[in-house]
Amino acid sequence: MGKRTAKSCVAFLLSTVMWMAIDPAQAQETKFDAAKYFAGKTIRMQVGFGPGGGTDLQARHFAANWGKYMPGHPRFQVTNITPNTASANRLYKSPPDGMTIELTGSPNVTNQFSVPQAEYKVEENRMIGTHVASASILFGYKTFPYKTLREAVNGKEVVRMGWRTPSQASAMRMAALSEWLNIPMKFIPGAAGTADSLLELERGDTNAWMPGGAGTAWFGLPVMRPGWLKDGTVRPIAIIEAPDVEVRANKEIGMPSEVPYAADLIPDPENRRQFIALSNLIDRYSKIFMAPPKTPDPIIEAFRTSYAALLKDKEFAEKLEVLQGDPVQYTPGEIVERDIKQMVKDYVEFQDAFKTWEDWARKRF
């Protein structure tokens, strides 16, 4: 056998051994040595937002510390790819070798169907886990005419809220509640974020507020407006989450027992099912660590185990809570993976209904 032939055989055998180490079909026959596999490697941690934002700051905190708990102690390097759809596309097309993961700012389900540039199927990605609890709360200002949303059902006083556009998913949800519960609502255009929304309340332009996206202002409000919840300047009037989501106390108050889950006020079971489906799409998860499709189980297990261990690091978790403004609340990747698949099914099933909700929101501007 010539030298070239011998070298080729050795290279082939080495590549076969490496593939068997990460190929799920061989995982039962070949023990995966995670420490050996990741040692000396650099793992790219993608972020679909620019440097300096909340998601980016969290990613850099993880990148600086994750290697201590990951087998083989690889280096993590943050890469910013904007817009976020471009980052999602790149993750989806990345090799399933454990060298690329992404910290997302949402489940990316709605963008998958609504953004023309989307070239991914998020339900095929592998989920490592999430560390952020959702807490989407509808707040009433001190001028709000009802004690809670329950008293607003069939009411006469108008609920006034600020939204950017009718296509905002949270605006659509409020419009649906207005239709089903006979609550008069008026939407004020222009609010571009939390700061604008709080100013609208203070000026008297609006009397209610619900953060868009996976709103976690319940935890952030005591920092943004200290004392507002404690002295009643604003108060929670409804929980806009699936009823199985428990809302923990923030730094000022616990959730009052009389505050209802909005879904529980909806009399029609089918409408209630649709409302919970969209609420899960928006609120269930915000920050999620994902890996590309077909990433083998042994690699995913290494990420999941080290991620869970890192979140138990007291010093790390305390700083993370400061960065995100919310308590660390871990959900394992296998649960997130299951829920993402269900979200995609729900969106496909209810997308026509959601378009109707957007029309309802448009009528209220």
Protein backbone atom coordinates (compact mmCIF):
# COMPACT_ATOMS: atom_id res chain seq x y z
CA MET A 1 0.00 0.00 0.00
CA GLY A 2 1.51 3.39 -1.03
CA LYS A 3 1.99 6.28 1.38
CA ARG A 4 -0.76 8.31 -0.27
CA THR A 5 -3.21 5.39 -0.08
CA ALA A 6 -2.31 4.75 3.56
CA LYS A 7 -2.82 8.41 4.45
CA SER A 8 -6.18 8.40 2.67
CA CYS A 9 -7.29 5.35 4.65
CA VAL A 10 -6.24 6.95 7.93
CA ALA A 11 -8.07 10.18 7.04
CA PHE A 12 -11.17 8.22 6.11
CA LEU A 13 -11.09 6.25 9.37
CA LEU A 14 -10.62 9.43 11.44
CA SER A 15 -13.51 11.20 9.70
CA THR A 16 -15.69 8.12 10.19
CA VAL A 17 -14.88 8.00 13.91
CA MET A 18 -15.65 11.72 14.28
CA TRP A 19 -18.95 11.37 12.44
CA MET A 20 -19.95 8.34 14.51
CA ALA A 21 -19.26 10.42 17.59
CA ILE A 22 -21.90 12.97 16.62
CA ASP A 23 -24.19 10.95 14.34
CA PRO A 24 -27.41 10.17 16.25
CA ALA A 25 -27.76 6.88 14.37
CA GLN A 26 -24.46 5.75 15.91
CA ALA A 27 -24.89 7.42 19.30
CA GLN A 28 -25.90 4.20 21.03
CA GLU A 29 -22.92 2.29 19.62
CA THR A 30 -20.22 4.95 20.00
CA LYS A 31 -19.69 6.83 23.25
CA PHE A 32 -19.42 10.56 22.57
CA ASP A 33 -16.49 12.18 24.37
CA ALA A 34 -17.83 15.73 24.74
CA ALA A 35 -14.73 17.05 26.51
CA LYS A 36 -12.46 15.80 23.76
CA TYR A 37 -14.79 17.00 21.01
CA PHE A 38 -15.16 20.59 22.30
CA ALA A 39 -11.63 21.09 23.67
CA GLY A 40 -9.82 23.92 21.87
CA LYS A 41 -12.90 24.86 19.81
CA THR A 42 -14.61 28.25 19.42
CA ILE A 43 -18.40 28.23 19.45
CA ARG A 44 -20.14 31.05 17.61
CA MET A 45 -23.05 32.52 19.58
CA GLN A 46 -25.24 34.44 17.15
CA VAL A 47 -27.43 37.39 18.16
CA GLY A 48 -29.92 38.86 15.69
CA PHE A 49 -29.60 42.37 17.14
CA GLY A 50 -26.92 45.05 17.24
CA PRO A 51 -24.27 45.43 19.94
CA GLY A 52 -25.30 47.03 23.22
CA GLY A 53 -28.94 45.91 23.30
CA GLY A 54 -30.52 43.69 25.92
CA THR A 55 -30.17 40.43 24.00
CA ASP A 56 -26.58 41.24 23.02
CA LEU A 57 -25.59 42.07 26.61
CA GLN A 58 -27.05 38.81 27.85
CA ALA A 59 -25.26 36.88 25.10
CA ARG A 60 -21.91 38.42 26.05
CA HIS A 61 -22.48 37.54 29.70
CA PHE A 62 -23.15 33.93 28.70
CA ALA A 63 -20.19 33.86 26.30
CA ALA A 64 -17.81 35.01 29.04
CA ASN A 65 -18.91 32.29 31.46
CA TRP A 66 -20.37 29.28 29.63
CA GLY A 67 -17.01 27.71 28.84
CA LYS A 68 -16.42 27.04 32.56
CA TYR A 69 -19.27 24.52 32.56
CA MET A 70 -19.09 23.19 28.99
CA PRO A 71 -17.16 19.92 28.53
CA GLY A 72 -13.72 20.68 27.11
CA HIS A 73 -14.07 24.35 28.10
CA PRO A 74 -14.44 25.77 24.57
CA ARG A 75 -14.39 29.50 23.86
CA PHE A 76 -17.70 31.24 23.05
CA GLN A 77 -17.67 34.23 20.70
CA VAL A 78 -20.65 36.52 20.08
CA THR A 79 -21.49 37.39 16.47
CA ASN A 80 -24.12 40.07 15.74
CA ILE A 81 -26.14 39.41 12.57
CA THR A 82 -28.92 41.84 11.69
CA PRO A 83 -31.77 41.86 11.02
CA ASN A 84 -32.85 38.99 13.25
CA THR A 85 -34.37 37.09 10.29
CA ALA A 86 -30.90 36.95 8.72
CA SER A 87 -29.53 35.46 11.93
CA ALA A 88 -32.34 32.89 12.05
CA ASN A 89 -31.69 31.95 8.41
CA ARG A 90 -27.98 31.52 9.06
CA LEU A 91 -28.52 29.33 12.11
CA TYR A 92 -30.93 27.11 10.19
CA LYS A 93 -28.35 26.57 7.43
CA SER A 94 -25.35 26.10 9.75
CA PRO A 95 -23.66 22.69 10.07
CA PRO A 96 -25.11 20.60 12.92
CA ASP A 97 -21.69 20.20 14.54
CA GLY A 98 -22.21 22.17 17.77
CA MET A 99 -20.05 25.06 16.63
CA THR A 100 -22.96 27.49 16.13
CA ILE A 101 -25.82 28.41 18.48
CA GLU A 102 -28.11 31.44 18.66
CA LEU A 103 -29.69 33.47 21.44
CA THR A 104 -33.02 34.63 20.01
CA GLY A 105 -35.30 37.43 21.18
CA SER A 106 -38.49 35.44 20.46
CA PRO A 107 -39.56 31.98 19.28
CA ASN A 108 -39.43 33.36 15.69
CA VAL A 109 -42.63 31.50 14.79
CA THR A 110 -44.68 34.45 13.53
CA ASN A 111 -41.73 35.84 11.53
CA GLN A 112 -41.33 32.45 9.87
CA PHE A 113 -44.72 32.94 8.23
CA SER A 114 -44.98 36.72 7.94
CA VAL A 115 -41.49 37.88 6.87
CA PRO A 116 -40.82 37.23 3.16
CA GLN A 117 -37.07 36.86 3.76
CA ALA A 118 -37.52 34.00 6.26
CA GLU A 119 -35.89 30.80 4.97
CA TYR A 120 -36.01 28.71 8.13
CA LYS A 121 -38.36 26.31 9.90
CA VAL A 122 -37.91 27.04 13.58
CA GLU A 123 -39.64 23.80 14.61
CA GLU A 124 -36.73 21.89 13.05
CA ASN A 125 -34.13 23.69 15.20
CA ARG A 126 -32.84 22.06 18.37
CA MET A 127 -33.66 23.91 21.60
CA ILE A 128 -31.10 24.23 24.38
CA GLY A 129 -33.41 26.07 26.77
CA THR A 130 -34.61 29.43 28.05
CA HIS A 131 -33.87 31.45 31.18
CA VAL A 132 -36.54 34.18 30.99
CA ALA A 133 -40.03 33.92 32.42
CA SER A 134 -42.81 35.67 30.53
CA ALA A 135 -45.17 37.93 32.44
CA SER A 136 -47.45 39.78 30.02
CA ILE A 137 -49.64 41.99 32.15
CA LEU A 138 -52.32 44.54 31.28
CA PHE A 139 -51.89 47.59 33.50
CA GLY A 140 -54.43 50.26 34.36
CA TYR A 141 -53.35 53.81 35.19
CA LYS A 142 -54.79 55.55 38.27
CA THR A 143 -57.48 57.06 36.01
CA PHE A 144 -58.59 53.64 34.72
CA PRO A 145 -62.35 53.44 35.35
CA TYR A 146 -62.52 49.75 36.34
CA LYS A 147 -60.98 47.78 39.17
CA THR A 148 -59.91 44.94 36.85
CA LEU A 149 -60.68 43.84 33.31
CA ARG A 150 -63.48 41.68 34.70
CA GLU A 151 -65.47 44.80 35.67
CA ALA A 152 -64.87 46.25 32.17
CA VAL A 153 -66.89 43.45 30.51
CA ASN A 154 -70.02 45.05 28.95
CA GLY A 155 -68.73 48.37 30.28
CA LYS A 156 -69.43 51.90 29.06
CA GLU A 157 -66.16 53.68 29.85
CA VAL A 158 -63.59 53.53 27.03
CA VAL A 159 -60.28 51.73 27.52
CA ARG A 160 -57.59 53.80 25.76
CA MET A 161 -54.27 52.17 24.81
CA GLY A 162 -51.28 53.18 22.69
CA TRP A 163 -49.98 51.01 19.85
CA ARG A 164 -47.69 51.52 16.87
CA THR A 165 -49.71 49.58 14.29
CA PRO A 166 -52.73 47.27 14.05
CA SER A 167 -50.41 44.39 13.16
CA GLN A 168 -48.85 44.35 16.62
CA ALA A 169 -49.84 40.99 18.01
CA SER A 170 -50.69 42.41 21.43
CA ALA A 171 -52.92 45.05 19.84
CA MET A 172 -54.66 42.24 17.97
CA ARG A 173 -55.24 40.37 21.22
CA MET A 174 -56.76 43.41 22.91
CA ALA A 175 -59.01 44.02 19.90
CA ALA A 176 -60.22 40.42 20.10
CA LEU A 177 -61.00 40.85 23.80
CA SER A 178 -62.88 44.04 22.95
CA GLU A 179 -65.02 42.12 20.45
CA TRP A 180 -65.71 39.08 22.59
CA LEU A 181 -66.21 40.81 25.95
CA ASN A 182 -68.01 43.93 24.68
CA ILE A 183 -65.39 46.29 26.09
CA PRO A 184 -65.18 49.68 24.34
CA MET A 185 -61.56 50.33 23.28
CA LYS A 186 -59.76 53.12 21.49
CA PHE A 187 -56.18 52.71 20.22
CA ILE A 188 -53.89 55.74 20.15
CA PRO A 189 -51.23 55.50 17.38
CA GLY A 190 -47.60 56.38 17.86
CA ALA A 191 -46.19 54.59 20.91
CA ALA A 192 -42.79 53.30 19.84
CA GLY A 193 -41.84 51.49 23.01
CA THR A 194 -42.04 51.39 26.79
CA ALA A 195 -40.76 54.93 27.33
CA ASP A 196 -43.38 56.40 24.99
CA SER A 197 -46.13 54.29 26.53
CA LEU A 198 -45.34 55.48 30.06
CA LEU A 199 -45.34 59.11 28.89
CA GLU A 200 -48.75 58.57 27.27
CA LEU A 201 -50.12 57.39 30.62
CA GLU A 202 -48.63 60.38 32.44
CA ARG A 203 -50.04 62.84 29.88
CA GLY A 204 -53.49 61.28 30.14
CA ASP A 205 -53.57 60.19 26.49
CA THR A 206 -54.16 56.61 27.59
CA ASN A 207 -55.49 54.90 30.70
CA ALA A 208 -54.17 51.36 30.13
CA TRP A 209 -50.92 49.83 28.95
CA MET A 210 -49.67 46.43 27.93
CA PRO A 211 -46.08 45.95 26.74
CA GLY A 212 -45.76 44.38 23.30
CA GLY A 213 -43.78 41.24 22.54
CA ALA A 214 -43.03 38.90 25.40
CA GLY A 215 -43.72 41.73 27.81
CA THR A 216 -41.86 41.46 31.09
CA ALA A 217 -42.49 45.01 32.31
CA TRP A 218 -44.10 43.46 35.39
CA PHE A 219 -40.57 42.83 36.64
CA GLY A 220 -38.98 45.90 35.07
CA LEU A 221 -41.53 48.52 36.17
CA PRO A 222 -40.19 48.81 39.75
CA VAL A 223 -36.88 49.88 38.19
CA MET A 224 -38.32 52.11 35.45
CA ARG A 225 -40.89 53.79 37.70
CA PRO A 226 -40.09 53.04 41.36
CA GLY A 227 -43.15 53.18 43.60
CA TRP A 228 -45.76 53.23 40.84
CA LEU A 229 -47.09 49.78 41.68
CA LYS A 230 -46.72 50.21 45.42
CA ASP A 231 -48.64 53.51 45.55
CA GLY A 232 -51.26 52.56 42.95
CA THR A 233 -50.20 54.91 40.15
CA VAL A 234 -50.57 51.83 37.98
CA ARG A 235 -52.05 48.49 38.91
CA PRO A 236 -52.33 45.10 37.20
CA ILE A 237 -55.84 44.57 35.83
CA ALA A 238 -55.44 41.34 33.83
CA ILE A 239 -52.90 38.63 33.09
CA ILE A 240 -52.55 38.23 29.33
CA GLU A 241 -50.92 34.80 29.49
CA ALA A 242 -52.07 31.24 29.14
CA PRO A 243 -53.75 30.38 32.46
CA ASP A 244 -51.11 27.76 33.27
CA VAL A 245 -48.39 30.44 33.49
CA GLU A 246 -47.75 31.49 37.08
CA VAL A 247 -46.79 35.14 37.59
CA ARG A 248 -44.24 35.54 40.37
CA ALA A 249 -44.03 38.59 42.62
CA ASN A 250 -41.84 41.46 41.46
CA LYS A 251 -39.69 43.65 43.72
CA GLU A 252 -42.65 45.79 44.86
CA ILE A 253 -45.82 43.69 44.95
CA GLY A 254 -47.25 40.24 44.39
CA MET A 255 -50.02 39.66 41.87
CA PRO A 256 -53.36 40.49 43.59
CA SER A 257 -55.67 37.49 43.79
CA GLU A 258 -58.57 39.36 42.17
CA VAL A 259 -56.66 40.01 38.95
CA PRO A 260 -58.06 37.59 36.34
CA TYR A 261 -56.44 35.75 33.48
CA ALA A 262 -57.99 37.36 30.40
CA ALA A 263 -58.49 33.94 28.81
CA ASP A 264 -60.76 32.93 31.70
CA LEU A 265 -63.13 35.80 30.86
CA ILE A 266 -63.75 34.54 27.31
CA PRO A 267 -67.03 32.58 27.26
CA ASP A 268 -66.65 30.80 23.91
CA PRO A 269 -64.27 27.79 24.19
CA GLU A 270 -63.00 28.10 20.62
CA ASN A 271 -62.25 31.82 21.02
CA ARG A 272 -60.49 31.03 24.28
CA ARG A 273 -58.38 28.35 22.56
CA GLN A 274 -57.33 30.80 19.83
CA PHE A 275 -56.49 33.50 22.39
CA ILE A 276 -54.27 31.12 24.38
CA ALA A 277 -52.55 29.97 21.18
CA LEU A 278 -51.62 33.53 20.17
CA SER A 279 -50.62 34.38 23.75
CA ASN A 280 -48.22 31.44 23.74
CA LEU A 281 -46.82 32.55 20.38
CA ILE A 282 -46.07 36.02 21.75
CA ASP A 283 -45.33 35.49 25.42
CA ARG A 284 -44.40 31.92 26.19
CA TYR A 285 -40.71 32.36 25.53
CA SER A 286 -38.51 35.31 24.69
CA LYS A 287 -34.81 34.54 25.08
CA ILE A 288 -34.12 31.04 23.71
CA PHE A 289 -30.82 29.31 22.97
CA MET A 290 -31.15 27.29 19.76
CA ALA A 291 -28.91 25.04 17.67
CA PRO A 292 -29.27 24.10 13.99
CA PRO A 293 -31.56 21.29 12.80
CA LYS A 294 -30.22 17.74 13.07
CA THR A 295 -27.69 18.63 15.74
CA PRO A 296 -27.12 15.20 17.34
CA ASP A 297 -28.48 14.41 20.80
CA PRO A 298 -25.06 13.99 22.48
CA ILE A 299 -24.04 17.51 21.46
CA ILE A 300 -27.39 18.97 22.49
CA GLU A 301 -27.14 17.17 25.83
CA ALA A 302 -23.72 18.75 26.45
CA PHE A 303 -25.19 22.20 25.81
CA ARG A 304 -28.30 21.58 27.89
CA THR A 305 -26.44 20.18 30.89
CA SER A 306 -23.83 22.94 30.95
CA TYR A 307 -26.49 25.65 30.40
CA ALA A 308 -28.51 24.40 33.38
CA ALA A 309 -25.35 24.26 35.52
CA LEU A 310 -24.38 27.82 34.54
CA LEU A 311 -27.79 29.16 35.54
CA LYS A 312 -27.28 27.62 39.01
CA ASP A 313 -24.09 29.65 39.45
CA LYS A 314 -25.22 32.25 42.00
CA GLU A 315 -22.84 35.01 40.93
CA PHE A 316 -23.65 34.50 37.24
CA ALA A 317 -27.42 34.38 37.83
CA GLU A 318 -27.43 37.54 39.96
CA LYS A 319 -25.72 39.53 37.22
CA LEU A 320 -27.99 38.01 34.57
CA GLU A 321 -31.05 39.15 36.53
CA VAL A 322 -29.69 42.70 36.53
CA LEU A 323 -29.07 42.57 32.77
CA GLN A 324 -32.51 41.20 31.87
CA GLY A 325 -34.51 42.91 34.62
CA ASP A 326 -36.34 39.65 35.30
CA PRO A 327 -35.76 36.69 37.60
CA VAL A 328 -33.92 33.75 36.08
CA GLN A 329 -36.48 31.06 35.34
CA TYR A 330 -35.08 28.01 33.59
CA THR A 331 -37.11 25.88 31.18
CA PRO A 332 -35.33 22.79 29.79
CA GLY A 333 -34.74 22.53 26.06
CA GLU A 334 -36.87 19.44 25.57
CA ILE A 335 -39.93 21.33 26.87
CA VAL A 336 -39.18 24.38 24.72
CA GLU A 337 -38.71 22.10 21.71
CA ARG A 338 -42.11 20.50 22.28
CA ASP A 339 -43.82 23.87 22.76
CA ILE A 340 -42.26 25.44 19.64
CA LYS A 341 -43.60 22.58 17.51
CA GLN A 342 -47.07 23.18 18.97
CA MET A 343 -46.82 26.94 18.33
CA VAL A 344 -46.12 26.33 14.64
CA LYS A 345 -49.16 24.03 14.39
CA ASP A 346 -51.32 26.62 16.15
CA TYR A 347 -50.18 29.43 13.88
CA VAL A 348 -50.97 27.41 10.77
CA GLU A 349 -54.39 26.47 12.16
CA PHE A 350 -55.38 29.97 13.30
CA GLN A 351 -53.62 32.32 10.90
CA ASP A 352 -56.88 33.31 9.17
CA ALA A 353 -58.45 34.16 12.53
CA PHE A 354 -55.42 36.26 13.44
CA LYS A 355 -55.86 38.28 10.22
CA THR A 356 -59.41 39.04 11.35
CA TRP A 357 -58.09 40.23 14.69
CA GLU A 358 -55.78 42.63 12.84
CA ASP A 359 -58.83 44.07 11.07
CA TRP A 360 -60.52 44.49 14.45
CA ALA A 361 -57.46 46.35 15.75
CA ARG A 362 -57.39 48.62 12.70
CA LYS A 363 -60.99 49.70 13.35
CA ARG A 364 -60.00 50.91 16.81
CA PHE A 365 -57.32 53.36 15.65
